[in-house]
Amino acid sequence: MIEIEAEIAGNVWKVEKAVGDCVKEEDVLLILESMKMEIPVEAPCAGTVREVRVQEGETVEEGTVLVVLES
């Protein structure tokens, strides 16, 4: 299992993938908004989304686990 963490504090603007979705490396999992910029959070490798731990509109801190992938 691979935990994808927020690299910056911000708001979850849009969740692009759901539990059970298969993703390829560099697919956008979700988009964070911070300092009026949209920051895509990409999959580091191919796999299946096992958990989405955040919801749209939620505020997250740096280091918060956003998504769990099974490669």
N, C-alpha and C. Protein backbone atom coordinates (compact mmCIF):
# COMPACT_ATOMS: atom_id res chain seq x y z
N MET A 1 0.85 -1.19 0.00
CA MET A 1 0.00 0.00 0.00
C MET A 1 0.89 1.25 0.00
N ILE A 2 0.47 2.21 -0.77
CA ILE A 2 1.20 3.47 -0.88
C ILE A 2 0.28 4.59 -0.43
N GLU A 3 0.72 5.35 0.56
CA GLU A 3 -0.06 6.48 1.05
C GLU A 3 0.43 7.75 0.36
N ILE A 4 -0.48 8.46 -0.29
CA ILE A 4 -0.13 9.71 -0.95
C ILE A 4 -0.52 10.84 -0.02
N GLU A 5 0.46 11.67 0.34
CA GLU A 5 0.27 12.74 1.30
C GLU A 5 0.22 14.10 0.61
N ALA A 6 -0.42 15.05 1.28
CA ALA A 6 -0.43 16.43 0.81
C ALA A 6 0.96 17.01 0.98
N GLU A 7 1.49 17.60 -0.08
CA GLU A 7 2.81 18.23 -0.02
C GLU A 7 2.72 19.67 0.45
N ILE A 8 1.49 20.19 0.53
CA ILE A 8 1.26 21.57 0.94
C ILE A 8 -0.12 21.64 1.60
N ALA A 9 -0.29 22.55 2.53
CA ALA A 9 -1.60 22.74 3.15
C ALA A 9 -2.52 23.43 2.16
N GLY A 10 -3.80 23.09 2.20
CA GLY A 10 -4.76 23.71 1.29
C GLY A 10 -6.13 23.10 1.43
N ASN A 11 -6.97 23.37 0.46
CA ASN A 11 -8.32 22.83 0.42
C ASN A 11 -8.43 21.81 -0.70
N VAL A 12 -9.18 20.75 -0.45
CA VAL A 12 -9.43 19.77 -1.50
C VAL A 12 -10.47 20.38 -2.43
N TRP A 13 -10.04 20.73 -3.63
CA TRP A 13 -10.92 21.39 -4.59
C TRP A 13 -11.76 20.38 -5.35
N LYS A 14 -11.13 19.29 -5.84
CA LYS A 14 -11.86 18.29 -6.60
C LYS A 14 -11.20 16.93 -6.43
N VAL A 15 -12.02 15.92 -6.18
CA VAL A 15 -11.54 14.53 -6.11
C VAL A 15 -11.82 13.91 -7.48
N GLU A 16 -10.77 13.45 -8.15
CA GLU A 16 -10.89 12.95 -9.52
C GLU A 16 -11.11 11.43 -9.59
N LYS A 17 -10.65 10.69 -8.59
CA LYS A 17 -10.73 9.22 -8.62
C LYS A 17 -11.49 8.72 -7.40
N ALA A 18 -12.09 7.53 -7.54
CA ALA A 18 -12.88 6.93 -6.46
C ALA A 18 -12.29 5.58 -6.09
N VAL A 19 -12.70 5.06 -4.95
CA VAL A 19 -12.27 3.74 -4.50
C VAL A 19 -12.60 2.72 -5.58
N GLY A 20 -11.60 1.89 -5.90
CA GLY A 20 -11.77 0.85 -6.90
C GLY A 20 -11.28 1.24 -8.28
N ASP A 21 -11.05 2.54 -8.51
CA ASP A 21 -10.54 2.98 -9.81
C ASP A 21 -9.11 2.51 -10.02
N CYS A 22 -8.82 2.08 -11.24
CA CYS A 22 -7.46 1.74 -11.64
C CYS A 22 -6.83 3.01 -12.20
N VAL A 23 -5.59 3.28 -11.80
CA VAL A 23 -4.89 4.47 -12.26
C VAL A 23 -3.54 4.11 -12.84
N LYS A 24 -3.06 4.99 -13.71
CA LYS A 24 -1.72 4.87 -14.27
C LYS A 24 -0.82 5.87 -13.57
N GLU A 25 0.46 5.66 -13.67
CA GLU A 25 1.41 6.61 -13.12
C GLU A 25 1.13 7.99 -13.71
N GLU A 26 1.11 8.99 -12.86
CA GLU A 26 0.89 10.40 -13.18
C GLU A 26 -0.57 10.76 -13.44
N ASP A 27 -1.52 9.81 -13.28
CA ASP A 27 -2.93 10.18 -13.34
C ASP A 27 -3.23 11.13 -12.17
N VAL A 28 -4.08 12.11 -12.40
CA VAL A 28 -4.46 13.04 -11.34
C VAL A 28 -5.49 12.38 -10.44
N LEU A 29 -5.17 12.31 -9.14
CA LEU A 29 -6.06 11.71 -8.15
C LEU A 29 -7.03 12.74 -7.59
N LEU A 30 -6.50 13.91 -7.31
CA LEU A 30 -7.32 15.01 -6.80
C LEU A 30 -6.59 16.31 -7.02
N ILE A 31 -7.29 17.40 -6.78
CA ILE A 31 -6.71 18.72 -6.96
C ILE A 31 -6.85 19.49 -5.65
N LEU A 32 -5.72 20.02 -5.17
CA LEU A 32 -5.71 20.87 -4.00
C LEU A 32 -5.68 22.33 -4.46
N GLU A 33 -6.28 23.18 -3.67
CA GLU A 33 -6.21 24.61 -3.92
C GLU A 33 -5.47 25.25 -2.76
N SER A 34 -4.41 25.98 -3.09
CA SER A 34 -3.62 26.65 -2.05
C SER A 34 -3.09 27.95 -2.63
N MET A 35 -3.25 29.03 -1.90
CA MET A 35 -2.78 30.35 -2.32
C MET A 35 -3.33 30.70 -3.71
N LYS A 36 -4.59 30.36 -3.95
CA LYS A 36 -5.30 30.64 -5.20
C LYS A 36 -4.70 29.91 -6.40
N MET A 37 -3.95 28.84 -6.14
CA MET A 37 -3.40 28.01 -7.21
C MET A 37 -3.99 26.61 -7.09
N GLU A 38 -4.22 25.97 -8.24
CA GLU A 38 -4.69 24.58 -8.26
C GLU A 38 -3.48 23.67 -8.41
N ILE A 39 -3.35 22.72 -7.49
CA ILE A 39 -2.20 21.84 -7.45
C ILE A 39 -2.67 20.40 -7.64
N PRO A 40 -2.38 19.79 -8.80
CA PRO A 40 -2.79 18.40 -9.00
C PRO A 40 -1.94 17.44 -8.16
N VAL A 41 -2.60 16.46 -7.58
CA VAL A 41 -1.91 15.39 -6.84
C VAL A 41 -1.97 14.16 -7.73
N GLU A 42 -0.79 13.70 -8.17
CA GLU A 42 -0.72 12.61 -9.14
C GLU A 42 -0.35 11.29 -8.50
N ALA A 43 -0.74 10.21 -9.15
CA ALA A 43 -0.36 8.87 -8.71
C ALA A 43 1.14 8.67 -8.97
N PRO A 44 1.89 8.20 -7.96
CA PRO A 44 3.32 7.98 -8.16
C PRO A 44 3.61 6.71 -8.97
N CYS A 45 2.61 5.84 -9.11
CA CYS A 45 2.77 4.59 -9.85
C CYS A 45 1.38 4.08 -10.25
N ALA A 46 1.35 3.08 -11.09
CA ALA A 46 0.08 2.46 -11.47
C ALA A 46 -0.46 1.66 -10.29
N GLY A 47 -1.78 1.57 -10.19
CA GLY A 47 -2.37 0.80 -9.10
C GLY A 47 -3.88 0.98 -9.04
N THR A 48 -4.43 0.56 -7.91
CA THR A 48 -5.86 0.65 -7.67
C THR A 48 -6.09 1.51 -6.43
N VAL A 49 -7.05 2.42 -6.51
CA VAL A 49 -7.38 3.28 -5.37
C VAL A 49 -8.08 2.42 -4.32
N ARG A 50 -7.50 2.32 -3.14
CA ARG A 50 -8.08 1.54 -2.04
C ARG A 50 -8.82 2.42 -1.04
N GLU A 51 -8.35 3.65 -0.85
CA GLU A 51 -9.01 4.58 0.08
C GLU A 51 -8.87 6.00 -0.44
N VAL A 52 -9.92 6.79 -0.28
CA VAL A 52 -9.85 8.24 -0.47
C VAL A 52 -10.20 8.80 0.89
N ARG A 53 -9.23 9.39 1.56
CA ARG A 53 -9.41 9.80 2.95
C ARG A 53 -9.88 11.24 3.13
N VAL A 54 -10.13 11.94 2.03
CA VAL A 54 -10.58 13.33 2.11
C VAL A 54 -11.80 13.53 1.24
N GLN A 55 -12.49 14.64 1.46
CA GLN A 55 -13.67 14.99 0.67
C GLN A 55 -13.48 16.38 0.08
N GLU A 56 -14.18 16.65 -1.01
CA GLU A 56 -14.13 17.98 -1.60
C GLU A 56 -14.56 19.02 -0.57
N GLY A 57 -13.82 20.12 -0.53
CA GLY A 57 -14.11 21.19 0.41
C GLY A 57 -13.36 21.08 1.72
N GLU A 58 -12.75 19.94 1.97
CA GLU A 58 -12.03 19.72 3.23
C GLU A 58 -10.69 20.47 3.22
N THR A 59 -10.31 21.02 4.36
CA THR A 59 -9.01 21.66 4.52
C THR A 59 -8.03 20.63 5.07
N VAL A 60 -6.84 20.56 4.44
CA VAL A 60 -5.83 19.58 4.87
C VAL A 60 -4.52 20.29 5.18
N GLU A 61 -3.77 19.68 6.07
CA GLU A 61 -2.44 20.18 6.41
C GLU A 61 -1.39 19.41 5.62
N GLU A 62 -0.22 19.98 5.50
CA GLU A 62 0.89 19.28 4.86
C GLU A 62 1.12 17.95 5.58
N GLY A 63 1.29 16.87 4.83
CA GLY A 63 1.53 15.55 5.42
C GLY A 63 0.26 14.72 5.64
N THR A 64 -0.92 15.31 5.43
CA THR A 64 -2.17 14.56 5.56
C THR A 64 -2.24 13.49 4.48
N VAL A 65 -2.60 12.26 4.85
CA VAL A 65 -2.76 11.20 3.86
C VAL A 65 -4.06 11.46 3.11
N LEU A 66 -3.96 11.57 1.79
CA LEU A 66 -5.10 11.90 0.94
C LEU A 66 -5.72 10.66 0.34
N VAL A 67 -4.86 9.81 -0.23
CA VAL A 67 -5.31 8.62 -0.98
C VAL A 67 -4.37 7.47 -0.67
N VAL A 68 -4.92 6.26 -0.64
CA VAL A 68 -4.10 5.05 -0.49
C VAL A 68 -4.24 4.23 -1.75
N LEU A 69 -3.10 3.90 -2.36
CA LEU A 69 -3.06 3.08 -3.57
C LEU A 69 -2.50 1.71 -3.27
N GLU A 70 -3.00 0.71 -3.99
CA GLU A 70 -2.39 -0.62 -3.95
C GLU A 70 -1.78 -0.83 -5.33
N SER A 71 -0.47 -1.05 -5.34
CA SER A 71 0.20 -1.20 -6.65
C SER A 71 0.29 -2.65 -7.06
